[in-house]
Protein backbone atom coordinates (compact mmCIF):
# COMPACT_ATOMS: atom_id res chain seq x y z
CA UNK A 1 129.06 74.03 80.51
CA UNK A 2 132.49 73.15 78.58
CA UNK A 3 131.75 76.72 76.28
CA UNK A 4 131.25 78.61 79.02
CA UNK A 5 133.60 81.26 80.43
CA UNK A 6 135.65 81.12 83.70
CA UNK A 7 136.85 84.00 86.03
CA UNK A 8 139.92 83.99 87.56
CA UNK A 9 138.27 82.89 90.94
CA UNK A 10 136.87 79.37 89.41
CA UNK A 11 139.09 76.99 90.95
CA UNK A 12 138.43 78.95 94.76
CA UNK A 13 134.61 78.33 93.85
CA UNK A 14 134.99 74.80 93.44
CA UNK A 15 137.47 74.60 96.68
CA UNK A 16 135.02 76.48 98.43
CA UNK A 17 132.07 73.98 97.45
CA UNK A 18 130.51 76.29 95.35
CA UNK A 19 127.63 75.29 92.97
CA UNK A 20 128.19 76.29 89.38
CA UNK A 21 125.52 77.21 87.50
CA UNK A 22 125.58 79.08 83.59
CA UNK A 23 125.35 82.95 83.97
CA UNK A 24 125.77 85.44 81.42
CA UNK A 25 128.08 83.18 79.88
CA UNK A 26 130.20 82.31 82.59
CA UNK A 27 130.16 79.30 85.43
CA UNK A 28 129.14 81.22 88.27
CA UNK A 29 128.70 79.92 92.39
CA UNK A 30 124.93 80.40 92.60
CA UNK A 31 125.52 79.39 96.58
CA UNK A 32 128.32 77.70 98.48
CA UNK A 33 127.35 75.26 101.52
CA UNK A 34 126.35 77.86 103.93
CA UNK A 35 122.92 78.30 101.67
CA UNK A 36 121.16 81.07 100.07
CA UNK A 37 119.41 82.59 102.99
CA UNK A 38 122.35 82.38 105.67
CA UNK A 39 124.54 84.32 102.82
CA UNK A 40 121.85 87.03 102.38
CA UNK A 41 121.77 87.43 106.13
CA UNK A 42 125.38 87.27 106.83
CA UNK A 43 125.80 90.29 104.34
CA UNK A 44 123.27 92.27 105.60
CA UNK A 45 124.76 91.87 109.60
CA UNK A 46 128.53 91.53 108.81
CA UNK A 47 130.40 91.19 105.17
CA UNK A 48 130.02 89.05 102.07
CA UNK A 49 132.82 88.43 99.46
CA UNK A 50 131.33 88.54 95.88
CA UNK A 51 132.98 87.19 92.43
CA UNK A 52 131.69 90.04 89.95
CA UNK A 53 134.61 89.73 87.49
CA UNK A 54 132.13 88.65 84.78
CA UNK A 55 131.30 92.17 84.65
CA UNK A 56 132.75 93.97 81.57
CA UNK A 57 135.41 96.55 82.53
CA UNK A 58 136.09 98.98 79.75
CA UNK A 59 138.73 102.14 79.72
CA UNK A 60 137.62 104.66 77.29
CA UNK A 61 140.37 107.07 76.24
CA UNK A 62 140.89 110.13 73.52
CA UNK A 63 139.89 113.70 73.16
CA UNK A 64 137.10 114.81 75.67
CA UNK A 65 135.64 111.48 76.11
CA UNK A 66 133.30 112.56 78.52
CA UNK A 67 131.41 114.49 75.82
CA UNK A 68 131.89 111.58 73.48
CA UNK A 69 130.31 109.07 75.89
CA UNK A 70 127.21 111.87 76.17
CA UNK A 71 126.26 111.22 72.84
CA UNK A 72 125.25 107.41 73.72
CA UNK A 73 124.16 108.02 77.44
CA UNK A 74 121.45 110.11 78.98
CA UNK A 75 123.61 110.52 82.28
CA UNK A 76 125.82 113.97 82.68
CA UNK A 77 129.23 112.69 82.38
CA UNK A 78 130.57 116.19 81.67
CA UNK A 79 129.87 117.13 84.94
CA UNK A 80 131.43 114.18 86.75
CA UNK A 81 133.87 114.93 89.03
CA UNK A 82 137.32 113.54 88.97
CA UNK A 83 137.38 110.80 91.61
CA UNK A 84 133.53 109.94 91.28
CA UNK A 85 131.34 107.31 89.84
CA UNK A 86 127.97 107.34 88.19
CA UNK A 87 125.04 105.38 87.16
CA UNK A 88 124.63 105.89 83.14
CA UNK A 89 122.00 104.03 80.76
CA UNK A 90 122.84 103.28 77.28
CA UNK A 91 119.25 104.21 75.45
CA UNK A 92 118.40 103.39 72.05
CA UNK A 93 116.36 105.43 69.40
CA UNK A 94 112.74 104.34 70.70
CA UNK A 95 113.79 105.35 74.19
CA UNK A 96 114.61 101.91 75.40
CA UNK A 97 117.11 100.96 77.78
CA UNK A 98 120.49 98.98 75.94
CA UNK A 99 121.76 98.59 79.08
CA UNK A 100 122.94 99.97 82.69
CA UNK A 101 126.30 100.96 83.62
CA UNK A 102 128.76 102.58 85.96
CA UNK A 103 131.04 105.15 84.53
CA UNK A 104 134.10 106.60 86.84
CA UNK A 105 136.09 109.45 86.27
CA UNK A 106 139.86 108.27 87.25
CA UNK A 107 141.31 111.49 86.25
CA UNK A 108 142.16 110.62 82.64
CA UNK A 109 139.87 108.76 80.69
CA UNK A 110 136.92 107.21 81.84
CA UNK A 111 136.68 103.62 83.31
CA UNK A 112 133.00 101.67 82.63
CA UNK A 113 131.87 98.76 84.18
CA UNK A 114 129.04 96.84 82.00
CA UNK A 115 126.77 94.02 82.39
CA UNK A 116 128.35 90.50 81.62
CA UNK A 117 125.08 89.77 79.28
CA UNK A 118 125.73 92.90 77.41
CA UNK A 119 129.40 93.39 77.18
CA UNK A 120 130.15 92.60 73.89
CA UNK A 121 127.29 94.44 72.53
CA UNK A 122 128.30 97.44 74.57
CA UNK A 123 132.05 97.62 73.06
CA UNK A 124 129.84 97.19 69.61
CA UNK A 125 128.07 100.25 70.38
CA UNK A 126 130.94 102.34 71.81
CA UNK A 127 132.99 101.42 68.49
CA UNK A 128 130.23 102.51 66.25
CA UNK A 129 129.07 105.69 68.12
CA UNK A 130 132.31 107.05 68.54
CA UNK A 131 134.87 108.18 66.36
CA UNK A 132 138.24 106.66 65.66
CA UNK A 133 140.29 109.02 67.74
CA UNK A 134 138.51 107.27 70.80
CA UNK A 135 140.08 104.10 72.08
CA UNK A 136 138.12 101.44 73.69
CA UNK A 137 140.01 99.10 75.81
CA UNK A 138 138.54 96.22 77.21
CA UNK A 139 140.24 94.83 80.64
CA UNK A 140 141.56 91.84 81.66
CA UNK A 141 140.82 92.51 85.11
CA UNK A 142 139.04 90.69 88.39
CA UNK A 143 136.25 92.32 90.25
CA UNK A 144 135.52 91.58 93.92
CA UNK A 145 132.75 93.17 95.66
CA UNK A 146 133.12 93.21 99.42
CA UNK A 147 129.80 94.05 100.95
CA UNK A 148 127.84 94.84 104.04
CA UNK A 149 128.05 96.89 107.44
CA UNK A 150 131.42 95.50 108.23
CA UNK A 151 133.37 95.89 104.95
CA UNK A 152 134.65 98.90 106.04
CA UNK A 153 136.20 97.42 109.09
CA UNK A 154 137.79 94.68 106.45
CA UNK A 155 138.88 97.02 104.28
CA UNK A 156 140.54 99.36 106.55
CA UNK A 157 142.86 96.45 107.26
CA UNK A 158 143.81 95.98 103.99
CA UNK A 159 143.71 99.66 102.08
CA UNK A 160 143.03 102.03 104.82
CA UNK A 161 142.78 104.94 102.27
CA UNK A 162 139.59 103.58 100.43
CA UNK A 163 137.74 103.64 103.77
CA UNK A 164 138.23 107.60 103.83
CA UNK A 165 136.05 107.66 100.62
CA UNK A 166 132.34 107.81 100.74
CA UNK A 167 129.21 106.54 98.45
CA UNK A 168 129.62 106.82 95.00
CA UNK A 169 133.70 107.74 95.22
CA UNK A 170 136.24 105.84 92.94
CA UNK A 171 139.98 105.82 93.76
CA UNK A 172 143.28 104.35 92.69
CA UNK A 173 145.36 102.63 95.61
CA UNK A 174 147.61 99.81 96.40
CA UNK A 175 146.91 96.18 98.56
CA UNK A 176 150.39 94.86 99.43
CA UNK A 177 152.25 96.44 96.41
CA UNK A 178 149.34 95.44 93.76
CA UNK A 179 147.30 98.25 92.37
CA UNK A 180 143.58 98.13 92.82
CA UNK A 181 140.92 100.53 91.56
CA UNK A 182 138.30 100.57 94.60
CA UNK A 183 134.80 102.20 94.22
CA UNK A 184 132.44 102.88 97.21
CA UNK A 185 129.26 100.97 95.78
CA UNK A 186 127.66 97.90 95.10
CA UNK A 187 124.68 96.05 94.41
CA UNK A 188 123.63 94.98 97.87
CA UNK A 189 122.28 98.39 99.22
CA UNK A 190 124.56 98.17 102.15
CA UNK A 191 128.22 99.81 102.34
CA UNK A 192 130.72 98.54 100.30
CA UNK A 193 133.40 98.38 97.74
CA UNK A 194 133.93 97.18 94.55
CA UNK A 195 137.97 96.43 93.98
CA UNK A 196 139.19 96.06 90.41
CA UNK A 197 142.45 93.92 90.50
CA UNK A 198 144.75 92.57 87.63
CA UNK A 199 143.76 89.21 86.90
CA UNK A 200 146.65 87.31 88.01
CA UNK A 201 146.25 88.79 91.15
CA UNK A 202 142.35 88.29 91.74
CA UNK A 203 142.80 85.21 93.46
CA UNK A 204 145.69 86.00 95.95
CA UNK A 205 143.21 89.18 96.98
CA UNK A 206 140.34 86.86 97.44
CA UNK A 207 142.13 84.68 99.93
CA UNK A 208 143.36 87.36 101.76
CA UNK A 209 139.79 89.05 101.97
CA UNK A 210 138.01 85.51 102.81
CA UNK A 211 140.49 85.10 105.17
CA UNK A 212 139.04 87.88 107.58
CA UNK A 213 136.63 86.54 110.50
CA UNK A 214 133.70 88.73 109.17
CA UNK A 215 133.75 87.61 105.65
CA UNK A 216 131.91 84.76 103.89
CA UNK A 217 131.90 84.04 100.10
CA UNK A 218 128.47 84.61 98.73
CA UNK A 219 126.99 83.57 95.49
CA UNK A 220 124.27 84.68 92.81
CA UNK A 221 121.33 83.47 94.86
CA UNK A 222 122.21 86.03 97.61
CA UNK A 223 122.85 88.47 95.30
CA UNK A 224 119.75 88.56 94.05
CA UNK A 225 117.99 88.50 97.13
CA UNK A 226 119.76 91.12 98.56
CA UNK A 227 119.44 93.84 95.43
CA UNK A 228 116.07 93.04 94.92
CA UNK A 229 115.34 93.98 98.54
CA UNK A 230 117.23 96.98 97.95
CA UNK A 231 114.94 98.01 95.03
CA UNK A 232 117.94 97.79 92.41
CA UNK A 233 116.99 96.99 88.60
CA UNK A 234 118.27 93.58 86.78
CA UNK A 235 119.22 94.01 83.18
CA UNK A 236 116.68 91.80 80.95
CA UNK A 237 114.45 91.61 83.81
CA UNK A 238 113.51 94.71 85.39
CA UNK A 239 114.82 97.28 82.41
CA UNK A 240 115.42 96.22 78.47
CA UNK A 241 115.04 97.96 75.40
CA UNK A 242 111.17 98.00 75.83
CA UNK A 243 111.48 100.00 78.89
CA UNK A 244 112.47 103.76 78.98
CA UNK A 245 114.42 105.34 81.76
CA UNK A 246 110.96 107.03 82.87
CA UNK A 247 108.68 103.86 82.83
CA UNK A 248 111.64 102.44 85.15
CA UNK A 249 111.38 105.10 87.63
CA UNK A 250 114.77 106.02 86.82
CA UNK A 251 114.46 109.68 85.93
CA UNK A 252 117.01 110.35 88.72
CA UNK A 253 119.41 108.96 86.00
CA UNK A 254 118.89 111.83 83.05
CA UNK A 255 121.34 114.30 83.89
CA UNK A 256 119.13 117.63 84.74
CA UNK A 257 121.98 118.97 82.35
CA UNK A 258 120.67 116.33 79.80
CA UNK A 259 117.02 117.68 80.08
CA UNK A 260 115.05 120.29 78.14
CA UNK A 261 116.00 123.62 79.53
CA UNK A 262 119.68 121.87 80.78
CA UNK A 263 123.03 123.33 79.26
CA UNK A 264 123.31 120.26 77.40
CA UNK A 265 119.88 119.10 76.46
CA UNK A 266 118.97 115.81 74.45
CA UNK A 267 121.87 114.64 72.25
CA UNK A 268 121.25 111.04 73.00
CA UNK A 269 119.35 108.34 71.61
CA UNK A 270 115.68 108.49 72.02
CA UNK A 271 115.82 111.67 73.72
CA UNK A 272 113.02 112.85 72.06
CA UNK A 273 110.76 110.07 73.41
CA UNK A 274 112.44 110.02 76.82
CA UNK A 275 111.97 113.70 77.77
CA UNK A 276 108.88 113.80 76.20
CA UNK A 277 107.84 111.60 78.92
CA UNK A 278 109.90 113.45 81.33
CA UNK A 279 107.83 116.60 80.84
CA UNK A 280 104.19 115.29 79.81
CA UNK A 281 104.61 112.57 82.66
CA UNK A 282 102.11 110.82 79.83
CA UNK A 283 103.65 106.82 79.96
CA UNK A 284 101.23 104.70 80.51
CA UNK A 285 103.12 102.32 82.77
CA UNK A 286 105.29 102.21 85.91
CA UNK A 287 108.00 100.12 87.85
CA UNK A 288 106.52 99.54 91.42
CA UNK A 289 108.16 97.64 94.47
CA UNK A 290 105.14 95.09 95.83
CA UNK A 291 104.81 93.64 99.20
CA UNK A 292 103.05 90.39 99.72
CA UNK A 293 101.40 88.89 102.52
CA UNK A 294 102.20 85.23 104.09
CA UNK A 295 105.25 83.49 102.92
CA UNK A 296 104.48 82.56 99.10
CA UNK A 297 106.93 84.01 97.15
CA UNK A 298 105.68 86.04 93.85
CA UNK A 299 108.27 84.86 90.74
CA UNK A 300 109.17 86.85 87.65
CA UNK A 301 106.63 86.51 85.32
CA UNK A 302 103.44 86.35 87.47
CA UNK A 303 100.71 88.21 85.95
CA UNK A 304 99.16 91.41 88.18
CA UNK A 305 95.41 92.23 88.18
CA UNK A 306 93.23 94.83 89.79
CA UNK A 307 90.28 94.18 92.18
CA UNK A 308 87.71 93.71 89.31
CA UNK A 309 90.10 91.45 87.65
CA UNK A 310 91.44 93.08 85.11
CA UNK A 311 95.26 92.25 84.07
CA UNK A 312 97.14 95.52 84.79
CA UNK A 313 100.61 94.36 84.72
CA UNK A 314 103.43 91.67 85.49
CA UNK A 315 106.55 90.98 87.92
CA UNK A 316 109.83 91.26 86.57
CA UNK A 317 111.75 90.24 89.74
CA UNK A 318 110.46 88.47 92.93
CA UNK A 319 110.90 86.21 95.79
CA UNK A 320 111.16 85.78 99.39
CA UNK A 321 112.95 88.94 101.28
CA UNK A 322 114.64 87.46 104.45
CA UNK A 323 115.32 90.76 105.42
CA UNK A 324 111.99 91.66 105.48
CA UNK A 325 110.42 88.34 106.48
CA UNK A 326 107.78 88.64 103.40
CA UNK A 327 107.29 88.26 99.75
CA UNK A 328 109.16 91.12 97.87
CA UNK A 329 108.70 91.76 94.33
CA UNK A 330 109.29 94.73 91.59
CA UNK A 331 107.34 94.86 88.39
CA UNK A 332 105.30 97.39 85.66
CA UNK A 333 101.63 98.45 86.52
CA UNK A 334 99.40 100.59 84.38
CA UNK A 335 99.87 104.06 85.43
CA UNK A 336 96.83 104.59 87.13
CA UNK A 337 97.64 101.39 89.94
CA UNK A 338 101.01 102.63 90.36
CA UNK A 339 100.46 104.82 93.59
CA UNK A 340 102.00 103.89 96.73
CA UNK A 341 99.44 102.05 98.97
CA UNK A 342 97.57 100.49 96.40
CA UNK A 343 96.48 96.50 96.45
CA UNK A 344 96.98 94.42 93.39
CA UNK A 345 96.39 90.94 92.82
CA UNK A 346 99.07 88.47 91.81
CA UNK A 347 97.94 85.09 90.30
CA UNK A 348 100.07 82.22 92.22
CA UNK A 349 98.94 78.77 91.38
CA UNK A 350 95.63 79.75 90.53
CA UNK A 351 94.49 81.90 93.25
CA UNK A 352 94.80 86.02 93.41
CA UNK A 353 97.19 86.94 96.06
CA UNK A 354 97.15 90.56 97.39
CA UNK A 355 100.29 92.62 97.35
CA UNK A 356 100.63 96.57 98.31
CA UNK A 357 102.34 98.98 96.00
CA UNK A 358 105.30 99.84 98.27
CA UNK A 359 108.17 102.12 98.70
CA UNK A 360 111.39 100.68 97.36
CA UNK A 361 113.90 100.40 98.72
CA UNK A 362 112.36 97.78 101.26
CA UNK A 363 115.38 97.65 103.41
CA UNK A 364 117.17 100.71 104.69
CA UNK A 365 120.26 101.63 102.58
CA UNK A 366 123.59 101.59 104.61
CA UNK A 367 125.56 103.30 102.13
CA UNK A 368 128.32 105.34 103.61
CA UNK A 369 127.57 108.77 102.55
CA UNK A 370 129.93 110.65 105.10
């Protein structure tokens, strides 16, 4: 792992007994001594702290940055109010998804958080797609995610102003004199905060938060099971360059202003393909949630069949859902089999296991909407 990068919390992960694995070019903790299942359950019942400093943090500045970014994403960025953030998708000319990201409007320029595995290509995409008047700055900052039903109780002791925000709001504050950028959001389905902090101050803030009784360090394993139960896509697995936003069930991420009849219709890569699918509803496959029986997890890559034995799709993410108490998965099936309540069959070790096409998220979200 000598070629891998390290976040500002690498030494702390080792001190806490983190089991380090390669992930998106970094050495990251997959779990701590508590174990994946208990880390998952602790986040659902109390509060977990995640190191997400491997994510790319980018500042986009220049004239009318929202209009500029809209030439590369299908979201409504021009209509994004100051102090809010929005989920967005970089799309390709064929309609596929190049990456998913968060875009915040702090009042001056735009603040982007992109996936770790895609950040170099995303920076290149911005540099090629925008003119010389726009400045793209890759930031040297840590990123912590404080997640769970008790996250606000913890945050109130350190940054009470941030607790006045609601889901998807973004603000700039101070914790113990250190400037932080905070959004009320996350990747677990729970209430929580993502805290961007100068790299040199990341460990000190992490230690302060971990000193709170409610907080445990949480690794990549539980992060994955939490986001799967929350029905949230993982780039490179549930969405990729071969998948359109419509197939992925992410039509809500296409701003109404960007659709046919909207005030800034189209104007993003792949708009012809994507908006045709929105209007005609003629896409051939769809991302669905799948709920299993028994306890055997159904993993990524598992093929899916109908009751006649015809292959109809495959699983893109799957495992046992500790909070659901059953195997949970998501994947793509032919549109004819995508109706809620349909039964499909997953082939696991030579057996065809029934799975129910189910509504996502699999757990009730705990987002704080005010």
